[in-house]
Protein backbone atom coordinates (compact mmCIF):
# COMPACT_ATOMS: atom_id res chain seq x y z
CA MET A 1 68.97 30.87 0.82
CA GLN A 2 70.64 34.00 2.01
CA GLU A 3 68.72 37.15 2.85
CA ASN A 4 70.69 40.31 2.40
CA LEU A 5 69.53 43.33 4.54
CA ASP A 6 70.09 46.75 3.62
CA HIS A 7 72.29 48.25 6.54
CA TRP A 8 71.94 51.84 5.39
CA THR A 9 68.50 51.91 6.95
CA PHE A 10 69.98 51.19 10.22
CA VAL A 11 73.04 53.56 9.77
CA ILE A 12 70.72 56.51 8.81
CA ALA A 13 68.35 55.81 11.69
CA SER A 14 71.16 55.57 14.19
CA TYR A 15 72.42 58.98 12.96
CA ALA A 16 69.03 60.47 13.18
CA VAL A 17 68.55 59.15 16.88
CA GLY A 18 72.15 60.58 17.71
CA VAL A 19 71.37 63.97 16.11
CA ALA A 20 68.06 64.05 17.84
CA GLY A 21 69.49 63.20 21.16
CA VAL A 22 72.15 65.94 20.76
CA LEU A 23 69.67 68.65 19.69
CA GLY A 24 67.40 67.45 22.82
CA LEU A 25 70.20 67.68 25.43
CA THR A 26 71.18 71.11 23.72
CA ALA A 27 67.67 72.42 24.24
CA TRP A 28 67.35 71.02 27.68
CA ALA A 29 70.75 72.62 28.76
CA TRP A 30 69.70 76.01 27.11
CA LEU A 31 66.34 76.01 28.95
CA THR A 32 67.98 75.18 32.22
CA MET A 33 70.73 77.83 31.85
CA ARG A 34 67.93 80.31 31.14
CA ALA A 35 65.97 79.42 34.34
CA ALA A 36 69.37 79.67 36.40
CA GLU A 37 70.06 83.07 35.10
CA ALA A 38 66.68 84.20 35.97
CA ARG A 39 66.87 82.97 39.39
CA ARG A 40 70.35 84.58 39.70
CA ASP A 41 68.92 87.75 38.51
CA ARG A 42 65.87 87.57 41.04
CA SER A 43 68.22 87.03 43.91
CA ARG A 44 70.51 89.90 43.02
CA ASP A 45 67.46 92.26 43.09
CA ARG A 46 66.58 91.43 46.70
C-alpha cells in the first residue's frame, strides 16, 4: 500500500511563511527607521 501525499499544500504553506517573514521584516525595518529618524531630528533641535 502506497500513500500519496499532496505536496502542493506544503509548497503553498512554505511560500506563505516566506512572504509573511519578508513582510514582517520590512515592517520592522520601516518602523525602526522611522524611530531613528525621529531621534535624529530631536537631537538636531537641541
